[in-house]
Amino acid sequence: PPDTKKRRGASRGAPKAPAAPPSIDLNTTHPSLNNFQADKLVLYLTADKAEAVTWALNGLLQATADISANYCLGSSGEKILLALVKLFDEAIDWNGSSDDETIDTAELMGKLQSGSSSWDSASLSGTQQKWEQHCQEKLASPLASSSDPNHLIDLDSDGRILDAIVAILRNLSFVAQNLRLMAYTPQVMRILTGALYYKSGARSGDDRSGEDGSSSSSSSANMCVNAIHTLINLAPLIDITGRQYFIDRAFLESDAKEITCTIPDQQEGDSDRLPSFGMASFLGFGGMKLAKQYDSKAETLDASVSPSAILDVSGSLIGAYLAIFPALASVLSPNGCRSMSTSSSSGWHRSSVQATLELLTALMEYPDNNIIFENVPLEMLHHLTELLFIPRLGPDALDYTDPISNTVVRVMALKFMRYDATIDTDMRDRACEVLASLTELSNHCKVALGMSQYKTHVENGQEGTSVAETTSSRRLNVRLFDSLISMIGSSSNRGDGGQVAMRLLTNLATVPQNRAGILYVERKLLSLAGKDANISRLACSGIFSQYS
């Protein structure tokens, strides 16, 4: 009988050509916006009638909150963003012109070289300082002792508009196609920075939040928290050196919809004006030389490219990025941040601090931002250290409910509870992770963290007054080392909290100034190492080996 078996591959047809990669389906319209494109939607956002503006804001809230739509701003999307910026400025009563301020390249280069000054508001330009002070006055807590009530915004009208705008920006940042449109628009970065100065403490009965994410209260989802979440999503594009923006301006050129709808300042049709992106193709031999200095695989630019050339292109955006860090430092400062809703005497707003720690961790993942974190101010390190031993309950906790004005269903005595139940472990582990990353960048942070600060009071004999002077001390930071030992021996850590504490302790041991601190915890660490083989391995190889 004939062989009915088919040879291997005999039934295969002709080889097929590889299928083209599927195009990204960009949803630039939404039923909540009557399927309007950006150009037409801007007309409603900039209309004189309040009803039209309200309809546009509500429609954007619904469209951006629709997780199944992945709403993209699309071509001319920066016009929508600029319209939202204009509404934000009108609601907060800002008449400045910081967006048109001339950037001093030499001054900006000096700020980048001295990263420690970038955390101080004094390093901001004149108009940026005015913007900071204006936001602090308008968005302050409505406590009688915190700010002049005549300067505060009206929470029932202007406050709702500001909340809606920041919530829209937060929702937009969850769609990847909107990231460049937002991160490369300095005006958007300015209002996000201004929203960071919002302080908790809304009036009673003002706790309102909806599915769209907007909120006007001091609850967990306020304007400051939404702004920080937006910056977390934009963190991959926040480069304080301006190199990433310079690379995109020089080489990002394509007629594909995925490019033209996701970067700002695009021209439709023929235009005599040179495009803002893809400049290298119009520079002739200069563009060829620039292309040779670009590593497309690593997406990095050669160091031989002049920093002044980069600053000339991205100077205004770098200034907007640097203004973020003084605002983040103010969030981590407990002065004037007390929340009336929780009556917490700690001075911190829990959700804002949590989001700030997450943002700092995200920004430190990119080496180009290391220059900012290599010289963190001593005061900020002190605040981060305090978060290691914040209590979970009691009046000093971040989420304290006053039993006088609220019903408490159960009261637990702190003295009968163990360490794991009394400490806010989530906040502790987040702060320890930030401190571990900071100490890996420079010896300055290691030395400053191992030593504590103290205040000396100098008496003035003539006037009979006492003047407090804060000085650097050789005193051991006992609270820090005690907290790290407690973390290592703790049974409740957020993920690998114990290993993060060991990593921080190992970093501190690499500088001789912290030898006294290592000797202080040596006995306790040896006791823990005798009970856990993993602790023993890390302690012997990373800590005690430093002094062998």
Protein backbone atom coordinates (compact mmCIF):
# COMPACT_ATOMS: atom_id res chain seq x y z
CA PRO A 1 0.00 0.00 0.00
CA PRO A 2 1.17 3.55 -0.64
CA ASP A 3 2.81 5.40 2.19
CA THR A 4 0.16 7.70 3.56
CA LYS A 5 2.48 9.38 6.02
CA LYS A 6 3.29 12.93 5.15
CA ARG A 7 6.77 14.16 5.34
CA ARG A 8 7.54 16.75 7.95
CA GLY A 9 6.76 20.18 6.58
CA ALA A 10 5.13 18.87 3.42
CA SER A 11 1.78 20.43 4.34
CA ARG A 12 3.27 23.79 5.07
CA GLY A 13 2.42 26.54 2.63
CA ALA A 14 4.55 29.39 1.48
CA PRO A 15 6.13 31.44 4.27
CA LYS A 16 3.98 34.37 5.28
CA ALA A 17 5.31 37.86 5.64
CA PRO A 18 5.48 39.08 9.23
CA ALA A 19 2.36 40.93 10.29
CA ALA A 20 2.72 44.65 10.82
CA PRO A 21 2.67 45.71 14.45
CA PRO A 22 -0.80 46.82 15.47
CA SER A 23 -1.32 50.54 15.67
CA ILE A 24 -2.24 52.00 19.06
CA ASP A 25 -5.88 52.93 19.18
CA LEU A 26 -5.91 56.41 20.69
CA ASN A 27 -9.23 57.52 22.15
CA THR A 28 -9.14 61.27 21.65
CA THR A 29 -12.92 61.67 22.10
CA HIS A 30 -15.44 60.61 24.73
CA PRO A 31 -19.25 60.60 24.93
CA SER A 32 -19.12 62.73 28.10
CA LEU A 33 -17.53 65.46 25.95
CA ASN A 34 -19.97 65.01 23.04
CA ASN A 35 -17.06 63.40 21.17
CA PHE A 36 -15.45 66.82 20.76
CA GLN A 37 -11.81 67.06 19.71
CA ALA A 38 -9.31 69.22 21.60
CA ASP A 39 -9.76 72.33 19.45
CA LYS A 40 -13.49 72.48 20.10
CA LEU A 41 -13.25 71.52 23.76
CA VAL A 42 -10.90 74.45 24.38
CA LEU A 43 -13.66 76.82 23.30
CA TYR A 44 -15.83 75.61 26.19
CA LEU A 45 -12.99 75.78 28.72
CA THR A 46 -12.20 79.37 27.75
CA ALA A 47 -15.81 80.53 27.37
CA ASP A 48 -17.15 83.52 29.31
CA LYS A 49 -20.23 81.58 30.47
CA ALA A 50 -19.73 79.68 33.70
CA GLU A 51 -22.15 76.96 32.54
CA ALA A 52 -19.93 76.10 29.56
CA VAL A 53 -16.80 75.92 31.72
CA THR A 54 -18.59 73.77 34.30
CA TRP A 55 -19.83 71.39 31.59
CA ALA A 56 -16.32 71.04 30.15
CA LEU A 57 -14.72 70.37 33.56
CA ASN A 58 -17.35 67.81 34.53
CA GLY A 59 -17.01 66.15 31.13
CA LEU A 60 -13.23 65.95 31.48
CA LEU A 61 -13.58 64.47 34.96
CA GLN A 62 -15.88 61.75 33.67
CA ALA A 63 -13.84 61.07 30.54
CA THR A 64 -10.50 60.84 32.35
CA ALA A 65 -11.96 58.73 35.16
CA ASP A 66 -13.28 56.16 32.66
CA ILE A 67 -10.62 53.46 32.98
CA SER A 68 -11.97 51.56 29.99
CA ALA A 69 -11.59 54.54 27.65
CA ASN A 70 -7.94 55.53 28.27
CA TYR A 71 -8.76 59.06 27.20
CA CYS A 72 -5.92 60.74 25.31
CA LEU A 73 -5.76 64.48 24.75
CA GLY A 74 -4.60 63.93 21.19
CA SER A 75 -3.36 66.48 18.71
CA SER A 76 -3.39 70.04 20.11
CA GLY A 77 -3.82 68.50 23.56
CA GLU A 78 -1.51 71.12 25.04
CA LYS A 79 -4.24 73.67 24.32
CA ILE A 80 -6.53 71.86 26.77
CA LEU A 81 -3.74 71.83 29.35
CA LEU A 82 -3.08 75.55 28.92
CA ALA A 83 -6.80 76.24 29.27
CA LEU A 84 -6.82 74.29 32.55
CA VAL A 85 -3.78 76.29 33.69
CA LYS A 86 -5.64 79.52 32.93
CA LEU A 87 -8.65 78.35 34.96
CA PHE A 88 -6.34 77.39 37.84
CA ASP A 89 -4.71 80.84 37.81
CA GLU A 90 -8.09 82.57 37.75
CA ALA A 91 -9.43 80.46 40.64
CA ILE A 92 -6.37 81.13 42.76
CA ASP A 93 -6.28 84.80 41.72
CA TRP A 94 -2.80 84.71 40.20
CA ASN A 95 -1.78 87.51 37.85
CA GLY A 96 1.95 86.79 37.60
CA SER A 97 3.92 86.05 34.46
CA SER A 98 6.23 83.28 35.62
CA ASP A 99 5.67 81.34 32.39
CA ASP A 100 7.32 84.11 30.34
CA GLU A 101 10.25 84.66 32.71
CA THR A 102 13.68 84.79 31.12
CA ILE A 103 15.94 81.97 32.25
CA ASP A 104 19.51 82.81 33.28
CA THR A 105 21.57 79.89 31.98
CA ALA A 106 24.58 80.59 34.19
CA GLU A 107 22.43 80.84 37.33
CA LEU A 108 20.58 77.65 36.43
CA MET A 109 23.84 75.79 35.91
CA GLY A 110 25.00 76.92 39.35
CA LYS A 111 21.83 75.53 40.93
CA LEU A 112 22.42 72.16 39.30
CA GLN A 113 26.00 72.01 40.52
CA SER A 114 25.01 72.79 44.14
CA GLY A 115 22.17 70.40 44.73
CA SER A 116 21.73 71.27 48.42
CA SER A 117 20.38 74.74 47.66
CA SER A 118 17.68 73.32 45.38
CA TRP A 119 15.66 72.23 48.42
CA ASP A 120 15.47 75.80 49.72
CA SER A 121 12.82 78.17 48.43
CA ALA A 122 15.49 80.89 48.36
CA SER A 123 16.98 79.15 45.31
CA LEU A 124 13.84 79.87 43.29
CA SER A 125 13.66 82.76 40.88
CA GLY A 126 11.86 85.94 41.86
CA THR A 127 8.60 85.08 40.15
CA GLN A 128 8.73 81.49 41.41
CA GLN A 129 9.11 82.75 44.97
CA LYS A 130 6.08 84.99 44.48
CA TRP A 131 4.13 81.98 43.17
CA GLU A 132 5.20 79.92 46.18
CA GLN A 133 4.14 82.61 48.67
CA HIS A 134 0.88 83.16 46.82
CA CYS A 135 -0.02 79.46 46.93
CA GLN A 136 0.94 79.20 50.59
CA GLU A 137 -1.43 82.04 51.44
CA LYS A 138 -4.30 80.89 49.25
CA LEU A 139 -4.08 77.17 50.03
CA ALA A 140 -3.21 77.38 53.72
CA SER A 141 -5.21 75.63 56.40
CA PRO A 142 -8.20 77.74 57.53
CA LEU A 143 -6.95 77.78 61.11
CA ALA A 144 -7.02 81.15 62.78
CA SER A 145 -3.31 80.91 63.59
CA SER A 146 -2.09 79.64 60.22
CA SER A 147 -2.99 82.34 57.74
CA ASP A 148 -5.01 85.48 57.18
CA PRO A 149 -8.54 84.23 56.43
CA ASN A 150 -9.00 87.08 53.96
CA HIS A 151 -6.32 85.52 51.72
CA LEU A 152 -7.84 82.02 51.62
CA ILE A 153 -9.74 80.74 48.61
CA ASP A 154 -13.46 80.09 48.78
CA LEU A 155 -13.75 76.33 49.23
CA ASP A 156 -17.29 76.24 47.87
CA SER A 157 -16.43 77.80 44.50
CA ASP A 158 -12.76 78.29 43.75
CA GLY A 159 -11.76 75.28 45.84
CA ARG A 160 -13.97 72.97 43.79
CA ILE A 161 -12.46 74.28 40.54
CA LEU A 162 -8.91 73.72 41.78
CA ASP A 163 -9.77 70.22 43.01
CA ALA A 164 -11.36 69.35 39.67
CA ILE A 165 -8.39 70.59 37.65
CA VAL A 166 -5.81 68.69 39.70
CA ALA A 167 -8.00 65.56 39.65
CA ILE A 168 -8.22 65.81 35.84
CA LEU A 169 -4.43 66.07 35.58
CA ARG A 170 -4.03 63.08 37.87
CA ASN A 171 -6.43 60.99 35.79
CA LEU A 172 -4.70 62.04 32.56
CA SER A 173 -1.32 60.97 33.93
CA PHE A 174 -2.45 57.34 34.12
CA VAL A 175 -2.57 57.21 30.30
CA ALA A 176 0.93 56.88 28.83
CA GLN A 177 0.07 58.89 25.73
CA ASN A 178 -0.52 61.99 27.89
CA LEU A 179 2.77 61.92 29.79
CA ARG A 180 4.91 63.94 27.38
CA LEU A 181 2.14 66.45 26.83
CA MET A 182 2.04 67.12 30.57
CA ALA A 183 5.68 66.73 31.60
CA TYR A 184 6.95 68.93 28.76
CA THR A 185 4.55 71.80 29.51
CA PRO A 186 6.15 74.09 32.15
CA GLN A 187 2.80 75.69 32.99
CA VAL A 188 1.38 72.31 34.03
CA MET A 189 4.39 71.63 36.24
CA ARG A 190 3.90 75.06 37.83
CA ILE A 191 0.31 74.47 38.94
CA LEU A 192 1.17 70.96 40.15
CA THR A 193 3.92 72.50 42.27
CA GLY A 194 1.50 75.11 43.58
CA ALA A 195 -1.00 72.40 44.56
CA LEU A 196 1.68 70.84 46.78
CA TYR A 197 1.31 73.79 49.16
CA TYR A 198 -2.30 72.87 49.92
CA LYS A 199 -2.59 72.21 53.63
CA SER A 200 -5.13 69.96 55.29
CA GLY A 201 -7.76 71.34 57.56
CA ALA A 202 -10.98 71.84 55.69
CA ARG A 203 -13.95 73.32 57.43
CA SER A 204 -16.32 70.96 59.15
CA GLY A 205 -18.86 69.39 56.85
CA ASP A 206 -16.63 69.94 53.84
CA ASP A 207 -15.70 66.30 53.35
CA ARG A 208 -16.76 65.74 49.79
CA SER A 209 -15.23 63.39 47.30
CA GLY A 210 -16.58 61.49 44.35
CA GLU A 211 -15.78 58.72 41.95
CA ASP A 212 -13.92 61.15 39.72
CA GLY A 213 -11.23 61.54 42.37
CA SER A 214 -11.89 65.18 43.19
CA SER A 215 -12.01 66.17 46.82
CA SER A 216 -12.06 69.40 48.80
CA SER A 217 -11.46 68.03 52.24
CA SER A 218 -8.51 67.14 54.41
CA SER A 219 -9.18 63.46 53.79
CA SER A 220 -6.74 61.11 52.09
CA ALA A 221 -7.56 62.36 48.56
CA ASN A 222 -7.03 66.10 48.66
CA MET A 223 -5.44 68.44 46.15
CA CYS A 224 -1.90 67.89 47.43
CA VAL A 225 -2.17 64.10 47.30
CA ASN A 226 -3.58 64.17 43.76
CA ALA A 227 -0.75 66.46 42.62
CA ILE A 228 1.88 64.13 44.10
CA HIS A 229 0.28 61.11 42.44
CA THR A 230 0.44 62.98 39.14
CA LEU A 231 4.14 63.68 39.64
CA ILE A 232 4.74 60.01 40.47
CA ASN A 233 3.32 59.04 37.08
CA LEU A 234 5.42 61.76 35.41
CA ALA A 235 8.61 60.76 37.27
CA PRO A 236 10.13 58.81 34.33
CA LEU A 237 10.23 62.06 32.32
CA ILE A 238 11.32 64.42 35.13
CA ASP A 239 15.01 64.91 34.42
CA ILE A 240 16.56 67.92 36.13
CA THR A 241 19.52 67.93 33.75
CA GLY A 242 17.21 68.46 30.77
CA ARG A 243 18.93 65.75 28.72
CA GLN A 244 15.81 63.64 28.22
CA TYR A 245 13.85 66.63 26.97
CA PHE A 246 16.77 67.67 24.74
CA ILE A 247 16.91 64.16 23.23
CA ASP A 248 13.20 64.23 22.43
CA ARG A 249 13.42 67.73 20.97
CA ALA A 250 16.33 66.69 18.77
CA PHE A 251 15.39 63.20 17.60
CA LEU A 252 11.69 62.55 18.24
CA GLU A 253 10.33 62.91 14.73
CA SER A 254 7.56 60.88 13.15
CA ASP A 255 4.37 61.36 11.22
CA ALA A 256 2.75 58.44 13.03
CA LYS A 257 -0.35 59.15 15.06
CA GLU A 258 1.33 57.70 18.16
CA ILE A 259 3.88 60.56 18.03
CA THR A 260 1.92 63.52 16.71
CA CYS A 261 -0.86 63.00 19.28
CA THR A 262 1.41 62.55 22.28
CA ILE A 263 3.92 65.43 22.11
CA PRO A 264 3.08 69.14 22.39
CA ASP A 265 3.24 71.90 19.80
CA GLN A 266 2.52 69.91 16.66
CA GLN A 267 1.59 71.60 13.36
CA GLU A 268 -1.10 70.13 11.18
CA GLY A 269 -0.57 70.41 7.44
CA ASP A 270 2.06 72.58 5.81
CA SER A 271 3.69 75.14 8.04
CA ASP A 272 6.58 77.50 7.48
CA ARG A 273 7.62 77.29 11.13
CA LEU A 274 10.21 74.69 12.02
CA PRO A 275 8.85 71.88 14.22
CA SER A 276 9.63 71.89 17.92
CA PHE A 277 10.58 68.20 17.87
CA GLY A 278 12.90 66.43 15.45
CA MET A 279 15.23 69.42 15.12
CA ALA A 280 18.28 67.31 14.22
CA SER A 281 16.96 66.68 10.72
CA PHE A 282 16.99 70.45 10.04
CA LEU A 283 20.48 71.16 11.39
CA GLY A 284 22.46 69.71 8.48
CA PHE A 285 25.91 68.53 9.48
CA GLY A 286 25.25 69.76 13.02
CA GLY A 287 22.38 67.32 13.25
CA MET A 288 24.61 64.51 11.98
CA LYS A 289 27.22 65.28 14.62
CA LEU A 290 24.54 65.37 17.29
CA ALA A 291 23.17 62.03 16.12
CA LYS A 292 26.61 60.43 16.49
CA GLN A 293 26.66 61.51 20.15
CA TYR A 294 23.34 59.81 20.86
CA ASP A 295 23.21 56.17 21.97
CA SER A 296 19.84 54.95 20.72
CA LYS A 297 20.00 51.67 22.64
CA ALA A 298 20.73 53.22 26.02
CA GLU A 299 18.78 56.39 25.13
CA THR A 300 21.58 58.54 26.50
CA LEU A 301 23.44 61.54 25.17
CA ASP A 302 27.22 61.75 25.18
CA ALA A 303 28.72 63.89 27.93
CA SER A 304 30.63 65.92 25.34
CA VAL A 305 27.44 67.78 24.42
CA SER A 306 27.75 71.23 25.96
CA PRO A 307 25.53 71.73 29.04
CA SER A 308 24.88 75.29 27.92
CA ALA A 309 23.37 73.99 24.67
CA ILE A 310 21.06 71.71 26.65
CA LEU A 311 20.06 74.50 29.02
CA ASP A 312 19.30 76.85 26.13
CA VAL A 313 16.72 74.35 24.88
CA SER A 314 15.32 73.02 28.17
CA GLY A 315 16.08 75.83 30.64
CA SER A 316 12.47 76.84 31.34
CA LEU A 317 11.45 73.23 31.91
CA ILE A 318 14.40 72.58 34.25
CA GLY A 319 13.39 75.62 36.30
CA ALA A 320 9.88 74.18 36.63
CA TYR A 321 11.31 70.81 37.71
CA LEU A 322 13.62 72.34 40.33
CA ALA A 323 10.68 74.21 41.89
CA ILE A 324 9.18 70.84 42.88
CA PHE A 325 11.78 70.06 45.52
CA PRO A 326 11.21 73.02 47.92
CA ALA A 327 7.50 72.15 47.78
CA LEU A 328 8.21 68.51 48.66
CA ALA A 329 10.41 69.66 51.54
CA SER A 330 7.47 71.71 52.86
CA VAL A 331 5.22 68.62 52.75
CA LEU A 332 7.71 66.72 54.92
CA SER A 333 7.97 69.65 57.35
CA PRO A 334 5.36 69.37 60.13
CA ASN A 335 5.30 73.12 60.76
CA GLY A 336 1.94 74.59 59.91
CA CYS A 337 0.56 71.38 58.39
CA ARG A 338 -1.75 70.27 61.16
CA SER A 339 -5.00 68.70 60.04
CA MET A 340 -8.17 69.77 61.82
CA SER A 341 -10.04 66.67 60.71
CA THR A 342 -7.70 64.36 62.61
CA SER A 343 -6.62 66.77 65.37
CA SER A 344 -3.18 65.24 65.06
CA SER A 345 -0.48 67.07 66.97
CA SER A 346 2.21 65.44 64.85
CA GLY A 347 1.75 68.11 62.18
CA TRP A 348 1.88 65.72 59.21
CA HIS A 349 -0.84 64.72 56.80
CA ARG A 350 -0.48 60.97 56.45
CA SER A 351 -1.52 60.51 52.81
CA SER A 352 0.57 63.47 51.65
CA VAL A 353 3.68 62.19 53.42
CA GLN A 354 3.15 58.66 52.09
CA ALA A 355 2.83 59.91 48.52
CA THR A 356 5.87 62.20 48.94
CA LEU A 357 8.05 59.30 50.08
CA GLU A 358 6.88 57.28 47.09
CA LEU A 359 7.68 60.18 44.75
CA LEU A 360 11.18 60.63 46.20
CA THR A 361 11.85 56.93 45.69
CA ALA A 362 10.64 57.15 42.08
CA LEU A 363 12.81 60.19 41.31
CA MET A 364 15.93 58.58 42.78
CA GLU A 365 15.62 55.66 40.38
CA TYR A 366 17.04 57.87 37.59
CA PRO A 367 20.77 58.65 37.91
CA ASP A 368 20.42 62.04 36.26
CA ASN A 369 18.55 63.27 39.36
CA ASN A 370 21.22 62.13 41.82
CA ILE A 371 22.83 65.56 42.06
CA ILE A 372 19.74 66.83 43.88
CA PHE A 373 19.72 63.98 46.40
CA GLU A 374 23.45 63.94 47.14
CA ASN A 375 23.17 67.01 49.40
CA VAL A 376 19.85 66.74 51.18
CA PRO A 377 19.41 69.40 53.91
CA LEU A 378 19.95 68.31 57.49
CA GLU A 379 16.46 69.40 58.48
CA MET A 380 14.88 67.12 55.89
CA LEU A 381 16.98 64.16 57.08
CA HIS A 382 15.81 64.93 60.60
CA HIS A 383 12.15 64.83 59.52
CA LEU A 384 12.68 61.54 57.69
CA THR A 385 14.29 60.09 60.82
CA GLU A 386 11.29 61.12 62.91
CA LEU A 387 9.04 59.06 60.63
CA LEU A 388 10.87 55.92 61.76
CA PHE A 389 9.25 56.03 65.20
CA ILE A 390 5.89 57.67 64.57
CA PRO A 391 3.30 55.96 66.82
CA ARG A 392 0.34 54.24 65.26
CA LEU A 393 -2.11 55.34 67.95
CA GLY A 394 -2.38 58.24 70.34
CA PRO A 395 -2.37 62.03 69.85
CA ASP A 396 1.06 61.93 68.15
CA ALA A 397 -0.09 59.51 65.44
CA LEU A 398 -0.68 60.63 61.87
CA ASP A 399 -4.26 59.32 61.93
CA TYR A 400 -5.52 60.34 65.36
CA THR A 401 -9.22 60.58 66.11
CA ASP A 402 -10.03 62.95 68.93
CA PRO A 403 -12.32 61.05 71.35
CA ILE A 404 -13.83 64.32 72.57
CA SER A 405 -15.39 65.18 69.20
CA ASN A 406 -15.65 61.67 67.68
CA THR A 407 -17.02 58.34 68.80
CA VAL A 408 -14.29 55.83 69.60
CA VAL A 409 -15.45 52.23 69.40
CA ARG A 410 -12.40 50.74 71.05
CA VAL A 411 -9.55 52.19 73.11
CA MET A 412 -6.31 50.23 73.53
CA ALA A 413 -3.71 51.12 76.11
CA LEU A 414 -0.36 51.67 74.45
CA LYS A 415 1.59 50.43 77.42
CA PHE A 416 0.09 46.95 77.03
CA MET A 417 0.96 46.70 73.33
CA ARG A 418 4.15 45.41 71.74
CA TYR A 419 6.45 47.40 69.46
CA ASP A 420 4.90 46.09 66.23
CA ALA A 421 1.47 47.32 67.29
CA THR A 422 2.51 50.73 68.57
CA ILE A 423 4.63 51.96 65.62
CA ASP A 424 3.26 53.08 62.28
CA THR A 425 5.15 50.35 60.42
CA ASP A 426 4.04 51.36 56.92
CA MET A 427 5.32 54.91 57.32
CA ARG A 428 8.47 53.62 59.03
CA ASP A 429 9.35 51.23 56.20
CA ARG A 430 8.73 53.86 53.51
CA ALA A 431 10.94 56.40 55.29
CA CYS A 432 13.67 53.82 55.84
CA GLU A 433 13.65 52.96 52.14
CA VAL A 434 14.15 56.62 51.23
CA LEU A 435 16.96 57.01 53.77
CA ALA A 436 18.69 53.87 52.49
CA SER A 437 18.60 55.21 48.93
CA LEU A 438 19.90 58.62 50.05
CA THR A 439 22.86 57.16 51.96
CA GLU A 440 23.87 55.15 48.90
CA LEU A 441 24.40 58.35 46.92
CA SER A 442 26.83 60.34 49.07
CA ASN A 443 28.85 60.28 52.28
CA HIS A 444 27.27 63.60 53.25
CA CYS A 445 23.97 61.90 53.97
CA LYS A 446 25.68 59.10 55.89
CA VAL A 447 27.52 61.45 58.22
CA ALA A 448 24.61 63.85 58.65
CA LEU A 449 22.19 61.01 59.39
CA GLY A 450 24.41 59.29 61.95
CA MET A 451 24.77 62.47 64.01
CA SER A 452 21.82 64.27 65.57
CA GLN A 453 21.14 67.98 65.66
CA TYR A 454 20.53 69.98 68.79
CA LYS A 455 19.73 73.58 69.67
CA THR A 456 21.92 75.70 71.87
CA HIS A 457 20.44 78.76 73.56
CA VAL A 458 22.70 81.79 73.82
CA GLU A 459 21.72 84.29 76.49
CA ASN A 460 21.89 87.98 75.66
CA GLY A 461 22.89 89.66 78.89
CA GLN A 462 22.09 93.21 77.79
CA GLU A 463 18.56 92.61 76.54
CA GLY A 464 17.78 89.62 78.72
CA THR A 465 16.57 87.52 75.79
CA SER A 466 17.40 84.01 74.67
CA VAL A 467 18.47 83.39 71.10
CA ALA A 468 18.29 79.80 69.78
CA GLU A 469 21.00 78.67 67.40
CA THR A 470 20.84 75.32 65.62
CA THR A 471 24.28 73.79 65.20
CA SER A 472 25.70 70.53 63.99
CA SER A 473 26.51 68.14 66.78
CA ARG A 474 28.85 65.26 67.42
CA ARG A 475 26.07 63.68 69.43
CA LEU A 476 25.03 60.20 68.34
CA ASN A 477 21.64 59.86 66.68
CA VAL A 478 20.41 57.33 69.21
CA ARG A 479 16.79 57.35 68.02
CA LEU A 480 17.86 56.35 64.52
CA PHE A 481 19.99 53.38 65.58
CA ASP A 482 17.37 52.19 68.08
CA SER A 483 14.71 52.32 65.38
CA LEU A 484 16.86 50.34 62.94
CA ILE A 485 17.55 47.61 65.49
CA SER A 486 13.83 47.42 66.28
CA MET A 487 13.05 47.12 62.56
CA ILE A 488 15.56 44.31 62.09
CA GLY A 489 14.02 42.35 64.94
CA SER A 490 10.45 43.23 64.03
CA SER A 491 8.01 40.64 62.69
CA SER A 492 5.80 43.11 60.77
CA ASN A 493 7.57 44.83 57.92
CA ARG A 494 6.24 46.14 54.64
CA GLY A 495 7.80 43.56 52.34
CA ASP A 496 11.53 43.45 53.09
CA GLY A 497 11.56 46.19 55.73
CA GLY A 498 14.08 44.36 57.88
CA GLN A 499 16.49 43.99 54.96
CA VAL A 500 16.09 47.68 54.10
CA ALA A 501 17.05 48.52 57.71
CA MET A 502 20.11 46.30 57.39
CA ARG A 503 20.99 48.04 54.12
CA LEU A 504 20.74 51.44 55.77
CA LEU A 505 22.83 50.30 58.73
CA THR A 506 25.43 48.91 56.32
CA ASN A 507 25.60 52.23 54.49
CA LEU A 508 26.08 54.10 57.76
CA ALA A 509 28.92 51.77 58.72
CA THR A 510 30.99 52.68 55.66
CA VAL A 511 32.05 56.07 57.11
CA PRO A 512 34.30 56.23 60.18
CA GLN A 513 32.21 59.02 61.74
CA ASN A 514 29.48 56.46 62.52
CA ARG A 515 31.75 53.98 64.28
CA ALA A 516 30.30 54.99 67.66
CA GLY A 517 26.81 54.21 66.40
CA ILE A 518 27.82 50.75 65.20
CA LEU A 519 29.45 50.04 68.57
CA TYR A 520 26.25 51.24 70.24
CA VAL A 521 24.12 48.62 68.46
CA GLU A 522 26.80 45.91 68.32
CA ARG A 523 25.55 43.91 71.29
CA LYS A 524 21.90 44.02 70.19
CA LEU A 525 22.83 43.17 66.63
CA LEU A 526 24.89 40.16 67.73
CA SER A 527 21.94 38.97 69.80
CA LEU A 528 19.65 39.13 66.74
CA ALA A 529 22.30 37.50 64.55
CA GLY A 530 22.42 34.53 66.86
CA LYS A 531 18.71 33.93 66.23
CA ASP A 532 18.55 34.49 62.48
CA ALA A 533 21.08 33.20 59.94
CA ASN A 534 20.14 35.85 57.37
CA ILE A 535 20.77 38.67 59.86
CA SER A 536 24.06 37.03 60.82
CA ARG A 537 25.22 36.86 57.20
CA LEU A 538 24.33 40.51 56.48
CA ALA A 539 25.80 41.77 59.75
CA CYS A 540 29.12 39.99 59.37
CA SER A 541 29.63 40.67 55.66
CA GLY A 542 28.32 44.22 55.49
CA ILE A 543 28.65 45.85 58.92
CA PHE A 544 31.26 44.25 61.17
CA SER A 545 33.60 43.68 58.23
CA GLN A 546 33.95 47.45 57.92
CA TYR A 547 35.93 47.57 61.19
CA SER A 548 37.86 44.34 60.98
